[in-house]
Amino acid sequence: MYETNEKRGISVTYAVLAGVLIAAAAFGGGFLLGAKDAGRPSIAGLSLNAGPPPDVDFSPVWKAWAVINEKFVPVSVASSTPVVASSTSSSNDNQKRVWGMIEGLAASLDDPYTFFLPPSENEQFASDMSGSFEGVGMEIAVKDKVLTVVSPLKGTPAERAGIKSGDFVLKIDGVTTEGMDVAEAVKKIRGPKGTVVTFMVLREGWTESREIKVTREVISVPVVTTTARPDGVYVIEVATFTSSSPDLFRNALREFVKSGDTKLVLDLRGNPGGYLGAAVDMASWFLPLGKIIVTEDYAGHAANIVHRSLGYNVFNSNLKMVILVDRGSASASEILADALHAHGIAKLVGTNTFGKGSVQELVEITPETALKITVARWLAPDGVHIPQEGITPDVEVKVSEEEIKAGKDPQMDKAVEILKAE
């Protein structure tokens, strides 16, 4: 039997909120990954029988390999130790060289989101998908060739230590990050709980870099929290897009409807992204069936994939909505915010988003290794690429460190002001 709530003007069918099946694509700790069940073309399937390209001369590679075998003397070995002949080189050493060659091949693309995952990093990635790990709790990316904090997750050691979205990480435990990819940086940042990692950080507005020490903990990724404000504004905060996010978001919407409020703030600040399927599903609660949410542009390598609303569309026109975004809003956050903004459902308040406008796919190279590779670009519902400088909000509101220390939130205040004025 269907139950509805007409209080204060919103009409929602609870049976719809309770009964829609939730589906999600693959997640990658802040980047969006392809999956066969998401309808994306499989690069891995095309590469199973790959061989040397006929128009590429690989002889320099093999010559370099031979030179290494014949001449390389490791400086860490004592002078009295005989040089190991190439014929006795371990298979493990040779395998490391192969991994290094693939890493170099990926690096030659000059794309911060494309890199090789050798066995240890690939195992670490699989562990991350469980949603719990030991570290500091921040999302990082290489932007403009500088290791940059996308966002510290709320309530984590990184946030408590004062790490901010947009911080430039110059050193990790004294090691420069120049030329360092994300996989290598994550490997250095992770570690057993209770241990300390030291960052040398530069922030916009600072005249010089500063050292920030963070004690590692077990990080359990937060997902969805709700607040029913006494002023009639309901707040749903989504911290990341995991496989459980759609169900949790549906429950949050149900509580919003039960509250009788018609004014909603969706807080995506500091949300580094995650599952594409979660973003599509969550947008579908506000959009009619078939409305474009985002398009994957394969630039001619494959047919573009258009992700459309699943058509839950349970809210009427009395819903008033503001989405909060900032520099830490990336990837799936930008997709959800841009879609609801483009279709006139919500206004955006805050600062420019991160600008993560590309699609990555995790391709198995061997059973123990993988290549994370950019395969497409995101197109907003209007067909325009999500800009590298991020999505510009309707109303820009910056937050100073003094306001944060004082417990003030001018971005939330502005969102509430806008909703009350409508």
Protein backbone atom coordinates (compact mmCIF):
# COMPACT_ATOMS: atom_id res chain seq x y z
CA MET A 1 0.00 0.00 0.00
CA TYR A 2 1.33 3.43 -0.87
CA GLU A 3 1.84 6.00 1.87
CA THR A 4 2.37 9.66 1.06
CA ASN A 5 3.21 12.80 2.96
CA GLU A 6 1.60 16.07 1.86
CA LYS A 7 2.78 18.10 4.86
CA ARG A 8 4.19 21.49 3.85
CA GLY A 9 3.73 20.76 0.18
CA ILE A 10 6.06 17.87 -0.78
CA SER A 11 4.44 14.77 -2.23
CA VAL A 12 6.58 11.64 -2.05
CA THR A 13 5.66 7.98 -2.37
CA TYR A 14 7.36 6.09 0.47
CA ALA A 15 6.96 2.81 -1.39
CA VAL A 16 9.16 4.22 -4.13
CA LEU A 17 11.81 5.33 -1.64
CA ALA A 18 11.75 1.96 0.05
CA GLY A 19 11.55 -0.34 -2.92
CA VAL A 20 13.81 0.79 -5.74
CA LEU A 21 16.66 -1.60 -6.43
CA ILE A 22 20.05 0.09 -6.16
CA ALA A 23 22.90 -0.68 -8.56
CA ALA A 24 26.42 0.73 -8.64
CA ALA A 25 29.38 0.68 -10.96
CA ALA A 26 32.97 0.18 -9.84
CA PHE A 27 34.67 2.38 -7.21
CA GLY A 28 38.25 3.52 -6.96
CA GLY A 29 38.96 5.62 -3.91
CA GLY A 30 38.25 8.95 -5.47
CA PHE A 31 38.38 8.04 -9.12
CA LEU A 32 35.64 6.48 -11.21
CA LEU A 33 36.31 3.17 -12.84
CA GLY A 34 34.83 1.31 -15.75
CA ALA A 35 33.07 -1.99 -15.43
CA LYS A 36 31.55 -4.36 -17.95
CA ASP A 37 28.25 -4.42 -16.08
CA ALA A 38 28.07 -0.63 -16.35
CA GLY A 39 27.86 -0.88 -20.12
CA ARG A 40 31.32 0.52 -20.70
CA PRO A 41 33.47 -0.99 -23.46
CA SER A 42 36.10 -3.33 -22.04
CA ILE A 43 39.62 -2.27 -22.89
CA ALA A 44 40.92 -5.35 -21.11
CA GLY A 45 38.99 -7.59 -23.50
CA LEU A 46 40.54 -5.84 -26.49
CA SER A 47 44.07 -6.26 -25.12
CA LEU A 48 44.16 -9.97 -24.26
CA ASN A 49 46.02 -10.95 -27.43
CA ALA A 50 48.08 -7.79 -27.75
CA GLY A 51 51.56 -8.03 -29.25
CA PRO A 52 54.32 -5.61 -30.28
CA PRO A 53 52.91 -2.89 -32.55
CA PRO A 54 54.35 -3.33 -36.06
CA ASP A 55 55.31 0.32 -36.49
CA VAL A 56 57.35 0.69 -33.27
CA ASP A 57 61.07 -0.08 -33.00
CA PHE A 58 61.69 -1.79 -29.66
CA SER A 59 65.39 -2.40 -30.23
CA PRO A 60 66.42 0.55 -27.99
CA VAL A 61 64.53 -1.08 -25.12
CA TRP A 62 66.35 -4.39 -25.49
CA LYS A 63 69.68 -2.64 -25.96
CA ALA A 64 69.13 -0.75 -22.71
CA TRP A 65 68.18 -4.02 -21.02
CA ALA A 66 71.43 -5.61 -22.23
CA VAL A 67 73.50 -2.62 -21.09
CA ILE A 68 71.97 -2.87 -17.62
CA ASN A 69 72.79 -6.58 -17.49
CA GLU A 70 76.35 -6.04 -18.59
CA LYS A 71 77.36 -2.85 -16.81
CA PHE A 72 75.13 -1.99 -13.85
CA VAL A 73 76.86 -2.02 -10.45
CA PRO A 74 74.59 -1.25 -7.48
CA VAL A 75 76.18 1.35 -5.18
CA SER A 76 74.70 -0.35 -2.13
CA VAL A 77 76.94 -3.40 -2.63
CA ALA A 78 80.38 -3.44 -1.00
CA SER A 79 83.35 -3.09 -3.36
CA SER A 80 84.63 -6.53 -2.42
CA THR A 81 81.42 -8.19 -3.55
CA PRO A 82 81.64 -9.71 -7.03
CA VAL A 83 79.29 -8.24 -9.64
CA VAL A 84 76.42 -10.60 -10.37
CA ALA A 85 76.52 -11.76 -13.98
CA SER A 86 73.44 -11.24 -16.13
CA SER A 87 73.01 -14.97 -16.51
CA THR A 88 72.43 -15.28 -12.78
CA SER A 89 70.11 -12.27 -12.40
CA SER A 90 67.08 -13.25 -10.40
CA SER A 91 63.70 -13.51 -12.08
CA ASN A 92 62.42 -11.14 -9.42
CA ASP A 93 64.88 -8.45 -10.52
CA ASN A 94 63.87 -8.94 -14.15
CA GLN A 95 60.19 -8.71 -13.20
CA LYS A 96 60.85 -5.44 -11.40
CA ARG A 97 62.33 -4.09 -14.61
CA VAL A 98 59.20 -5.07 -16.51
CA TRP A 99 57.02 -3.28 -13.95
CA GLY A 100 59.30 -0.25 -14.25
CA MET A 101 58.94 -0.25 -18.04
CA ILE A 102 55.15 -0.24 -17.75
CA GLU A 103 55.29 2.54 -15.15
CA GLY A 104 57.41 4.59 -17.54
CA LEU A 105 55.03 3.89 -20.40
CA ALA A 106 52.08 5.12 -18.31
CA ALA A 107 54.06 8.17 -17.14
CA SER A 108 54.86 9.10 -20.76
CA LEU A 109 51.16 9.94 -21.27
CA ASP A 110 51.59 12.92 -18.92
CA ASP A 111 48.20 12.20 -17.34
CA PRO A 112 48.04 12.38 -13.53
CA TYR A 113 45.20 9.86 -13.39
CA THR A 114 46.93 7.15 -15.44
CA PHE A 115 49.46 4.94 -13.68
CA PHE A 116 50.53 1.34 -13.23
CA LEU A 117 49.74 -0.66 -10.08
CA PRO A 118 52.42 -3.29 -9.41
CA PRO A 119 51.53 -6.17 -7.07
CA SER A 120 51.84 -4.35 -3.72
CA GLU A 121 49.93 -1.25 -4.86
CA ASN A 122 47.31 -3.35 -6.61
CA GLU A 123 46.73 -5.33 -3.42
CA GLN A 124 46.47 -2.07 -1.50
CA PHE A 125 43.86 -0.80 -3.95
CA ALA A 126 41.76 -3.94 -3.49
CA SER A 127 41.97 -3.43 0.26
CA ASP A 128 40.78 0.18 -0.10
CA MET A 129 37.58 -1.00 -1.74
CA SER A 130 36.54 -2.51 1.59
CA GLY A 131 36.17 1.07 2.88
CA SER A 132 38.56 0.62 5.81
CA PHE A 133 42.33 1.09 5.92
CA GLU A 134 45.15 2.43 8.07
CA GLY A 135 46.33 5.88 7.12
CA VAL A 136 45.49 9.57 7.57
CA GLY A 137 42.18 9.84 5.68
CA MET A 138 42.73 12.20 2.78
CA GLU A 139 42.21 11.99 -0.96
CA ILE A 140 45.12 13.12 -3.15
CA ALA A 141 45.73 13.71 -6.84
CA VAL A 142 48.41 15.16 -9.08
CA LYS A 143 47.18 18.46 -10.49
CA ASP A 144 49.34 20.70 -12.67
CA LYS A 145 52.16 18.24 -11.89
CA VAL A 146 51.94 18.94 -8.14
CA LEU A 147 50.73 16.46 -5.53
CA THR A 148 47.54 18.08 -4.25
CA VAL A 149 45.05 17.30 -1.49
CA VAL A 150 41.61 16.80 -3.02
CA SER A 151 40.02 16.58 0.38
CA PRO A 152 40.63 15.33 3.91
CA LEU A 153 37.74 13.09 4.91
CA LYS A 154 35.70 14.47 7.76
CA GLY A 155 36.61 13.29 11.23
CA THR A 156 39.94 11.79 10.13
CA PRO A 157 43.48 12.45 11.42
CA ALA A 158 44.27 14.54 8.31
CA GLU A 159 41.36 16.91 8.97
CA ARG A 160 42.13 17.18 12.68
CA ALA A 161 45.77 17.97 11.92
CA GLY A 162 44.72 20.90 9.73
CA ILE A 163 45.15 19.48 6.22
CA LYS A 164 42.90 21.41 3.78
CA SER A 165 41.51 20.83 0.29
CA GLY A 166 43.87 22.33 -2.25
CA ASP A 167 47.00 21.98 -0.10
CA PHE A 168 50.17 21.23 -2.07
CA VAL A 169 52.15 18.35 -0.58
CA LEU A 170 55.81 19.12 -1.27
CA LYS A 171 57.39 16.37 0.84
CA ILE A 172 56.32 13.18 2.61
CA ASP A 173 58.62 12.23 5.50
CA GLY A 174 61.33 14.40 3.99
CA VAL A 175 61.07 12.88 0.51
CA THR A 176 60.21 15.31 -2.26
CA THR A 177 56.98 14.61 -4.14
CA GLU A 178 58.27 16.15 -7.37
CA GLY A 179 57.57 13.64 -10.12
CA MET A 180 55.78 11.32 -7.69
CA ASP A 181 52.54 9.69 -8.86
CA VAL A 182 49.50 9.05 -6.68
CA ALA A 183 50.21 5.34 -6.18
CA GLU A 184 53.70 6.02 -4.84
CA ALA A 185 52.46 8.85 -2.63
CA VAL A 186 49.69 6.70 -1.14
CA LYS A 187 52.23 3.97 -0.41
CA LYS A 188 54.34 6.45 1.57
CA ILE A 189 51.36 7.94 3.41
CA ARG A 190 49.81 4.64 4.49
CA GLY A 191 51.19 2.86 7.51
CA PRO A 192 50.32 1.15 10.79
CA LYS A 193 48.02 3.01 13.15
CA GLY A 194 49.83 4.98 15.82
CA THR A 195 52.75 5.88 13.57
CA VAL A 196 53.39 9.43 12.37
CA VAL A 197 53.77 10.75 8.83
CA THR A 198 55.18 14.24 8.25
CA PHE A 199 54.01 16.42 5.37
CA MET A 200 55.65 19.57 4.07
CA VAL A 201 52.65 21.57 2.89
CA LEU A 202 52.21 24.80 0.94
CA ARG A 203 48.82 26.51 0.91
CA GLU A 204 47.43 29.39 -1.10
CA GLY A 205 48.00 32.54 0.90
CA TRP A 206 51.03 31.17 2.76
CA THR A 207 54.42 32.80 2.13
CA GLU A 208 56.31 29.60 2.90
CA SER A 209 55.68 25.89 3.38
CA ARG A 210 54.87 24.41 6.77
CA GLU A 211 55.35 21.02 8.38
CA ILE A 212 52.25 19.11 9.44
CA LYS A 213 52.53 15.85 11.38
CA VAL A 214 49.65 13.38 11.25
CA THR A 215 49.23 10.23 13.35
CA ARG A 216 47.83 7.34 11.35
CA GLU A 217 44.64 5.58 12.42
CA VAL A 218 42.27 2.96 11.11
CA ILE A 219 40.13 4.94 8.66
CA SER A 220 36.53 3.95 8.24
CA VAL A 221 35.14 6.01 5.40
CA PRO A 222 32.03 7.98 6.48
CA VAL A 223 29.10 8.11 4.07
CA VAL A 224 25.81 9.92 4.84
CA THR A 225 24.69 12.03 7.80
CA THR A 226 21.50 14.05 8.28
CA THR A 227 20.49 17.08 10.35
CA ALA A 228 16.95 18.39 10.80
CA ARG A 229 17.56 22.05 11.66
CA PRO A 230 15.04 23.84 13.87
CA ASP A 231 14.59 26.54 11.20
CA GLY A 232 12.91 24.11 8.78
CA VAL A 233 15.98 23.42 6.64
CA TYR A 234 17.04 19.78 6.31
CA VAL A 235 20.70 18.94 5.67
CA ILE A 236 22.01 15.75 4.06
CA GLU A 237 25.79 15.45 4.02
CA VAL A 238 27.36 12.88 1.70
CA ALA A 239 31.04 12.34 2.50
CA THR A 240 31.88 9.85 -0.26
CA PHE A 241 30.23 7.71 -2.94
CA THR A 242 30.58 4.08 -1.88
CA SER A 243 28.55 1.01 -2.79
CA SER A 244 26.35 1.66 0.24
CA SER A 245 25.74 5.35 -0.53
CA PRO A 246 22.55 4.88 -2.62
CA ASP A 247 20.80 2.93 0.12
CA LEU A 248 21.92 5.35 2.81
CA PHE A 249 20.89 8.33 0.69
CA ARG A 250 17.47 6.81 0.06
CA ASN A 251 17.02 6.40 3.83
CA ALA A 252 18.11 10.00 4.37
CA LEU A 253 15.55 11.21 1.83
CA ARG A 254 12.87 9.20 3.58
CA GLU A 255 13.72 10.95 6.86
CA PHE A 256 13.68 14.30 5.05
CA VAL A 257 10.17 13.62 3.79
CA LYS A 258 8.99 12.46 7.21
CA SER A 259 10.29 15.70 8.73
CA GLY A 260 7.78 17.66 6.66
CA ASP A 261 10.46 20.11 5.54
CA THR A 262 10.58 21.31 1.93
CA LYS A 263 13.99 22.99 2.02
CA LEU A 264 17.01 20.76 1.48
CA VAL A 265 20.76 21.38 1.64
CA LEU A 266 22.87 18.65 0.05
CA ASP A 267 26.38 19.07 1.42
CA LEU A 268 29.03 17.68 -0.96
CA ARG A 269 31.93 19.70 0.43
CA GLY A 270 35.06 17.63 0.84
CA ASN A 271 33.51 14.70 -1.03
CA PRO A 272 36.23 13.26 -3.31
CA GLY A 273 33.88 11.05 -5.32
CA GLY A 274 33.62 7.30 -5.83
CA TYR A 275 31.03 5.15 -7.56
CA LEU A 276 29.57 6.52 -10.78
CA GLY A 277 26.49 4.36 -10.20
CA ALA A 278 25.89 6.03 -6.84
CA ALA A 279 25.90 9.50 -8.41
CA VAL A 280 23.48 8.40 -11.14
CA ASP A 281 21.16 6.71 -8.65
CA MET A 282 21.11 9.69 -6.29
CA ALA A 283 20.40 12.15 -9.09
CA SER A 284 17.52 9.95 -10.23
CA TRP A 285 15.48 10.82 -7.13
CA PHE A 286 15.13 14.36 -8.46
CA LEU A 287 14.94 13.90 -12.24
CA PRO A 288 12.36 12.46 -14.64
CA LEU A 289 13.12 9.23 -16.47
CA GLY A 290 15.64 9.63 -19.27
CA LYS A 291 17.08 13.03 -18.33
CA ILE A 292 20.82 13.14 -19.03
CA ILE A 293 22.99 13.07 -15.91
CA VAL A 294 26.43 12.70 -17.49
CA THR A 295 28.01 11.43 -20.70
CA GLU A 296 31.27 9.53 -21.07
CA ASP A 297 33.07 10.98 -24.10
CA TYR A 298 35.48 8.42 -25.58
CA ALA A 299 36.81 10.85 -28.23
CA GLY A 300 36.16 8.39 -31.04
CA HIS A 301 37.80 5.34 -29.42
CA ALA A 302 34.35 3.96 -28.64
CA ALA A 303 30.75 5.07 -28.72
CA ASN A 304 29.90 7.62 -26.05
CA ILE A 305 27.89 6.34 -23.10
CA VAL A 306 25.04 8.50 -21.85
CA HIS A 307 23.93 7.96 -18.25
CA ARG A 308 20.31 8.96 -17.78
CA SER A 309 18.00 9.31 -14.82
CA LEU A 310 16.39 6.09 -13.63
CA GLY A 311 13.27 8.16 -13.12
CA TYR A 312 12.50 7.81 -9.42
CA ASN A 313 11.65 11.54 -9.53
CA VAL A 314 9.64 11.54 -6.31
CA PHE A 315 9.67 15.26 -5.47
CA ASN A 316 7.32 17.92 -6.75
CA SER A 317 8.10 21.53 -7.60
CA ASN A 318 7.74 22.66 -3.98
CA LEU A 319 11.15 21.22 -3.17
CA LYS A 320 13.77 23.95 -2.67
CA MET A 321 17.34 22.74 -2.81
CA VAL A 322 20.89 24.09 -2.47
CA ILE A 323 24.04 22.04 -2.99
CA LEU A 324 27.20 23.04 -1.11
CA VAL A 325 30.48 22.47 -2.98
CA ASP A 326 34.12 23.40 -2.51
CA ARG A 327 37.61 22.61 -3.73
CA GLY A 328 37.29 19.15 -2.16
CA SER A 329 34.20 18.24 -4.21
CA ALA A 330 35.49 16.02 -7.01
CA SER A 331 34.53 13.38 -9.55
CA ALA A 332 31.13 11.87 -8.63
CA SER A 333 30.38 14.93 -6.47
CA GLU A 334 30.83 17.18 -9.49
CA ILE A 335 28.66 14.90 -11.63
CA LEU A 336 25.78 14.94 -9.15
CA ALA A 337 26.02 18.67 -8.44
CA ASP A 338 26.34 19.61 -12.11
CA ALA A 339 23.41 17.42 -13.17
CA LEU A 340 20.98 18.79 -10.58
CA HIS A 341 22.14 22.32 -11.29
CA ALA A 342 21.86 21.96 -15.07
CA HIS A 343 18.27 20.69 -14.80
CA GLY A 344 17.24 23.53 -12.51
CA ILE A 345 16.76 21.39 -9.41
CA ALA A 346 19.36 23.04 -7.19
CA LYS A 347 21.53 26.11 -6.81
CA LEU A 348 25.24 25.74 -6.07
CA VAL A 349 26.85 27.61 -3.19
CA GLY A 350 30.50 27.58 -2.09
CA THR A 351 33.69 27.67 -4.13
CA ASN A 352 34.90 26.09 -7.37
CA THR A 353 35.03 22.30 -7.33
CA PHE A 354 38.19 20.27 -7.94
CA GLY A 355 37.80 19.76 -11.69
CA LYS A 356 38.04 15.98 -12.05
CA GLY A 357 36.53 15.68 -15.51
CA SER A 358 37.85 12.33 -16.70
CA VAL A 359 36.94 8.64 -16.53
CA GLN A 360 39.37 5.96 -15.42
CA GLU A 361 39.20 2.23 -15.98
CA LEU A 362 41.14 -0.37 -14.01
CA VAL A 363 42.55 -2.89 -16.49
CA GLU A 364 44.13 -6.14 -15.36
CA ILE A 365 47.61 -6.53 -16.84
CA THR A 366 48.50 -9.72 -14.95
CA PRO A 367 46.56 -11.45 -12.14
CA GLU A 368 48.65 -9.41 -9.65
CA THR A 369 48.92 -6.06 -11.46
CA ALA A 370 46.68 -3.49 -13.11
CA LEU A 371 46.79 -0.29 -15.13
CA LYS A 372 44.54 2.58 -14.09
CA ILE A 373 44.03 4.49 -17.31
CA THR A 374 42.00 7.49 -18.41
CA VAL A 375 39.61 6.28 -21.09
CA ALA A 376 37.08 9.09 -21.44
CA ARG A 377 36.04 12.58 -20.34
CA TRP A 378 32.91 13.64 -18.51
CA LEU A 379 30.37 15.76 -20.37
CA ALA A 380 27.76 17.68 -18.40
CA PRO A 381 24.09 17.46 -19.46
CA ASP A 382 24.63 20.44 -21.78
CA GLY A 383 27.42 18.55 -23.58
CA VAL A 384 30.27 20.67 -22.19
CA HIS A 385 33.31 19.06 -20.57
CA ILE A 386 33.57 19.49 -16.81
CA PRO A 387 36.30 22.16 -16.69
CA GLN A 388 39.72 21.48 -15.19
CA GLU A 389 39.35 24.55 -13.02
CA GLY A 390 36.19 23.05 -11.54
CA ILE A 391 32.50 23.94 -11.59
CA THR A 392 31.74 27.53 -10.62
CA PRO A 393 28.91 27.87 -8.07
CA ASP A 394 25.98 30.26 -8.50
CA VAL A 395 26.97 32.02 -5.30
CA GLU A 396 30.63 32.07 -4.30
CA VAL A 397 31.26 32.01 -0.56
CA LYS A 398 34.77 31.54 0.78
CA VAL A 399 35.57 30.38 4.30
CA SER A 400 38.56 31.79 6.18
CA GLU A 401 40.64 29.85 8.67
CA GLU A 402 39.53 32.31 11.35
CA GLU A 403 35.87 31.47 10.65
CA ILE A 404 36.63 27.75 10.82
CA LYS A 405 38.42 28.15 14.15
CA ALA A 406 35.46 30.17 15.45
CA GLY A 407 33.07 27.38 14.45
CA LYS A 408 31.38 29.49 11.80
CA ASP A 409 30.08 28.17 8.48
CA PRO A 410 29.26 31.08 6.14
CA GLN A 411 28.61 28.70 3.23
CA MET A 412 25.88 26.89 5.15
CA ASP A 413 24.55 30.24 6.37
CA LYS A 414 24.24 31.47 2.78
CA ALA A 415 22.52 28.25 1.69
CA VAL A 416 19.95 28.63 4.47
CA GLU A 417 19.46 32.30 3.60
CA ILE A 418 18.77 31.44 -0.04
CA LEU A 419 16.30 28.69 0.86
CA LYS A 420 14.38 30.87 3.31
CA ALA A 421 14.09 33.64 0.73
CA GLU A 422 12.39 31.35 -1.82
